[in-house]
Amino acid sequence: MKPHLISCLLNLALLGVFALPVAAQTESPKMKMTTEIPSDITTPDKIDTRLGTLKFDGGYPDAETVQKVYDNLDFQRGVDVFLNSLQGASLVAMRRGLREI
């Protein structure tokens, strides 16, 4: 074997030995100056709204919750379009009324 290849394999083996304990840890260690996360800023598991119950797993919405929120967003955009076009329809009706007079 070439010396360069042996050196690379040895470095790779050493990297694996040092990386193994880090990968084996499942939880980060409790530090002395760790600040607890206030429960007021965390996402609850479920929220009751006018759309229904929105469910979150680990802070992420489930598929049903995502669909409810997107449906509500579509509804809100439809209402916005209606309200924005109402002024134009009123002006058209006012012009027709003036023409009839």
C-alpha atoms as a PDB file:
ATOM      1  CA  MET A   1       0.000   0.000   0.000  1.00  0.00           C
ATOM      2  CA  LYS A   2       1.042   3.549  -0.586  1.00  0.00           C
ATOM      3  CA  PRO A   3       1.997   5.607   2.464  1.00  0.00           C
ATOM      4  CA  HIS A   4      -0.608   8.259   1.583  1.00  0.00           C
ATOM      5  CA  LEU A   5      -3.411   5.668   1.498  1.00  0.00           C
ATOM      6  CA  ILE A   6      -2.316   4.186   4.832  1.00  0.00           C
ATOM      7  CA  SER A   7      -2.249   7.659   6.362  1.00  0.00           C
ATOM      8  CA  CYS A   8      -5.777   8.396   5.076  1.00  0.00           C
ATOM      9  CA  LEU A   9      -7.127   5.107   6.436  1.00  0.00           C
ATOM     10  CA  LEU A  10      -5.494   5.704   9.812  1.00  0.00           C
ATOM     11  CA  ASN A  11      -6.959   9.222  10.002  1.00  0.00           C
ATOM     12  CA  LEU A  12     -10.372   7.878   9.065  1.00  0.00           C
ATOM     13  CA  ALA A  13     -10.191   5.218  11.779  1.00  0.00           C
ATOM     14  CA  LEU A  14      -9.177   7.802  14.395  1.00  0.00           C
ATOM     15  CA  LEU A  15     -12.024  10.066  13.304  1.00  0.00           C
ATOM     16  CA  GLY A  16     -14.479   7.177  13.732  1.00  0.00           C
ATOM     17  CA  VAL A  17     -13.157   6.416  17.223  1.00  0.00           C
ATOM     18  CA  PHE A  18     -13.574  10.025  18.338  1.00  0.00           C
ATOM     19  CA  ALA A  19     -16.944  10.507  16.631  1.00  0.00           C
ATOM     20  CA  LEU A  20     -18.517   7.382  18.147  1.00  0.00           C
ATOM     21  CA  PRO A  21     -19.051   8.762  21.689  1.00  0.00           C
ATOM     22  CA  VAL A  22     -20.543  11.974  20.277  1.00  0.00           C
ATOM     23  CA  ALA A  23     -22.980  10.050  18.066  1.00  0.00           C
ATOM     24  CA  ALA A  24     -23.935   7.721  20.945  1.00  0.00           C
ATOM     25  CA  GLN A  25     -25.204  10.604  23.099  1.00  0.00           C
ATOM     26  CA  THR A  26     -28.968  10.914  22.753  1.00  0.00           C
ATOM     27  CA  GLU A  27     -29.460  13.949  24.954  1.00  0.00           C
ATOM     28  CA  SER A  28     -27.349  17.046  25.315  1.00  0.00           C
ATOM     29  CA  PRO A  29     -25.729  17.424  28.721  1.00  0.00           C
ATOM     30  CA  LYS A  30     -27.281  19.787  31.260  1.00  0.00           C
ATOM     31  CA  MET A  31     -25.033  22.823  31.429  1.00  0.00           C
ATOM     32  CA  LYS A  32     -24.568  24.901  34.561  1.00  0.00           C
ATOM     33  CA  MET A  33     -25.809  28.126  32.955  1.00  0.00           C
ATOM     34  CA  THR A  34     -28.703  26.606  30.975  1.00  0.00           C
ATOM     35  CA  THR A  35     -31.837  28.726  30.779  1.00  0.00           C
ATOM     36  CA  GLU A  36     -35.124  26.875  30.960  1.00  0.00           C
ATOM     37  CA  ILE A  37     -37.509  27.479  28.041  1.00  0.00           C
ATOM     38  CA  PRO A  38     -40.671  29.174  29.306  1.00  0.00           C
ATOM     39  CA  SER A  39     -43.816  27.178  28.598  1.00  0.00           C
ATOM     40  CA  ASP A  40     -45.527  30.370  27.360  1.00  0.00           C
ATOM     41  CA  ILE A  41     -43.440  30.464  24.171  1.00  0.00           C
ATOM     42  CA  THR A  42     -43.608  26.773  23.259  1.00  0.00           C
ATOM     43  CA  THR A  43     -46.195  25.385  20.841  1.00  0.00           C
ATOM     44  CA  PRO A  44     -48.949  23.461  22.620  1.00  0.00           C
ATOM     45  CA  ASP A  45     -50.021  20.027  21.364  1.00  0.00           C
ATOM     46  CA  LYS A  46     -53.440  21.335  20.332  1.00  0.00           C
ATOM     47  CA  ILE A  47     -55.194  24.681  19.971  1.00  0.00           C
ATOM     48  CA  ASP A  48     -58.970  25.190  19.801  1.00  0.00           C
ATOM     49  CA  THR A  49     -59.824  27.862  17.207  1.00  0.00           C
ATOM     50  CA  ARG A  50     -62.829  28.871  15.110  1.00  0.00           C
ATOM     51  CA  LEU A  51     -61.409  26.554  12.415  1.00  0.00           C
ATOM     52  CA  GLY A  52     -61.575  23.627  14.805  1.00  0.00           C
ATOM     53  CA  THR A  53     -58.844  21.925  16.793  1.00  0.00           C
ATOM     54  CA  LEU A  54     -55.381  22.461  15.349  1.00  0.00           C
ATOM     55  CA  LYS A  55     -52.960  19.687  16.373  1.00  0.00           C
ATOM     56  CA  PHE A  56     -49.192  19.977  16.595  1.00  0.00           C
ATOM     57  CA  ASP A  57     -46.684  17.177  17.101  1.00  0.00           C
ATOM     58  CA  GLY A  58     -43.399  18.488  18.469  1.00  0.00           C
ATOM     59  CA  GLY A  59     -44.292  21.986  17.313  1.00  0.00           C
ATOM     60  CA  TYR A  60     -45.102  20.880  13.748  1.00  0.00           C
ATOM     61  CA  PRO A  61     -48.675  20.807  12.430  1.00  0.00           C
ATOM     62  CA  ASP A  62     -50.166  17.516  11.271  1.00  0.00           C
ATOM     63  CA  ALA A  63     -51.577  17.109   7.741  1.00  0.00           C
ATOM     64  CA  GLU A  64     -55.171  17.870   8.785  1.00  0.00           C
ATOM     65  CA  THR A  65     -54.109  21.098  10.501  1.00  0.00           C
ATOM     66  CA  VAL A  66     -52.137  22.215   7.462  1.00  0.00           C
ATOM     67  CA  GLN A  67     -55.161  21.577   5.225  1.00  0.00           C
ATOM     68  CA  LYS A  68     -57.455  23.553   7.567  1.00  0.00           C
ATOM     69  CA  VAL A  69     -55.083  26.520   7.614  1.00  0.00           C
ATOM     70  CA  TYR A  70     -54.678  26.539   3.810  1.00  0.00           C
ATOM     71  CA  ASP A  71     -58.468  26.288   3.338  1.00  0.00           C
ATOM     72  CA  ASN A  72     -58.913  29.238   5.700  1.00  0.00           C
ATOM     73  CA  LEU A  73     -56.262  31.213   3.805  1.00  0.00           C
ATOM     74  CA  ASP A  74     -58.102  30.550   0.524  1.00  0.00           C
ATOM     75  CA  PHE A  75     -61.368  31.709   2.123  1.00  0.00           C
ATOM     76  CA  GLN A  76     -59.739  34.898   3.448  1.00  0.00           C
ATOM     77  CA  ARG A  77     -58.300  35.681   0.013  1.00  0.00           C
ATOM     78  CA  GLY A  78     -61.735  35.185  -1.552  1.00  0.00           C
ATOM     79  CA  VAL A  79     -63.316  37.584   0.944  1.00  0.00           C
ATOM     80  CA  ASP A  80     -60.542  40.105   0.268  1.00  0.00           C
ATOM     81  CA  VAL A  81     -61.174  39.928  -3.489  1.00  0.00           C
ATOM     82  CA  PHE A  82     -64.919  40.416  -2.931  1.00  0.00           C
ATOM     83  CA  LEU A  83     -64.418  43.422  -0.661  1.00  0.00           C
ATOM     84  CA  ASN A  84     -61.894  45.026  -3.011  1.00  0.00           C
ATOM     85  CA  SER A  85     -64.186  44.625  -6.057  1.00  0.00           C
ATOM     86  CA  LEU A  86     -67.267  45.909  -4.241  1.00  0.00           C
ATOM     87  CA  GLN A  87     -66.131  49.529  -4.635  1.00  0.00           C
ATOM     88  CA  GLY A  88     -65.827  49.153  -8.411  1.00  0.00           C
ATOM     89  CA  ALA A  89     -69.260  47.561  -8.650  1.00  0.00           C
ATOM     90  CA  SER A  90     -70.726  50.439  -6.645  1.00  0.00           C
ATOM     91  CA  LEU A  91     -69.184  52.991  -9.009  1.00  0.00           C
ATOM     92  CA  VAL A  92     -70.612  51.186 -12.044  1.00  0.00           C
ATOM     93  CA  ALA A  93     -74.075  51.217 -10.448  1.00  0.00           C
ATOM     94  CA  MET A  94     -73.700  54.919  -9.637  1.00  0.00           C
ATOM     95  CA  ARG A  95     -72.756  55.741 -13.261  1.00  0.00           C
ATOM     96  CA  ARG A  96     -75.765  53.795 -14.559  1.00  0.00           C
ATOM     97  CA  GLY A  97     -78.032  55.665 -12.165  1.00  0.00           C
ATOM     98  CA  LEU A  98     -76.680  59.037 -13.290  1.00  0.00           C
ATOM     99  CA  ARG A  99     -77.196  58.099 -16.953  1.00  0.00           C
ATOM    100  CA  GLU A 100     -80.824  57.179 -16.306  1.00  0.00           C
ATOM    101  CA  ILE A 101     -81.502  60.529 -14.670  1.00  0.00           C
END
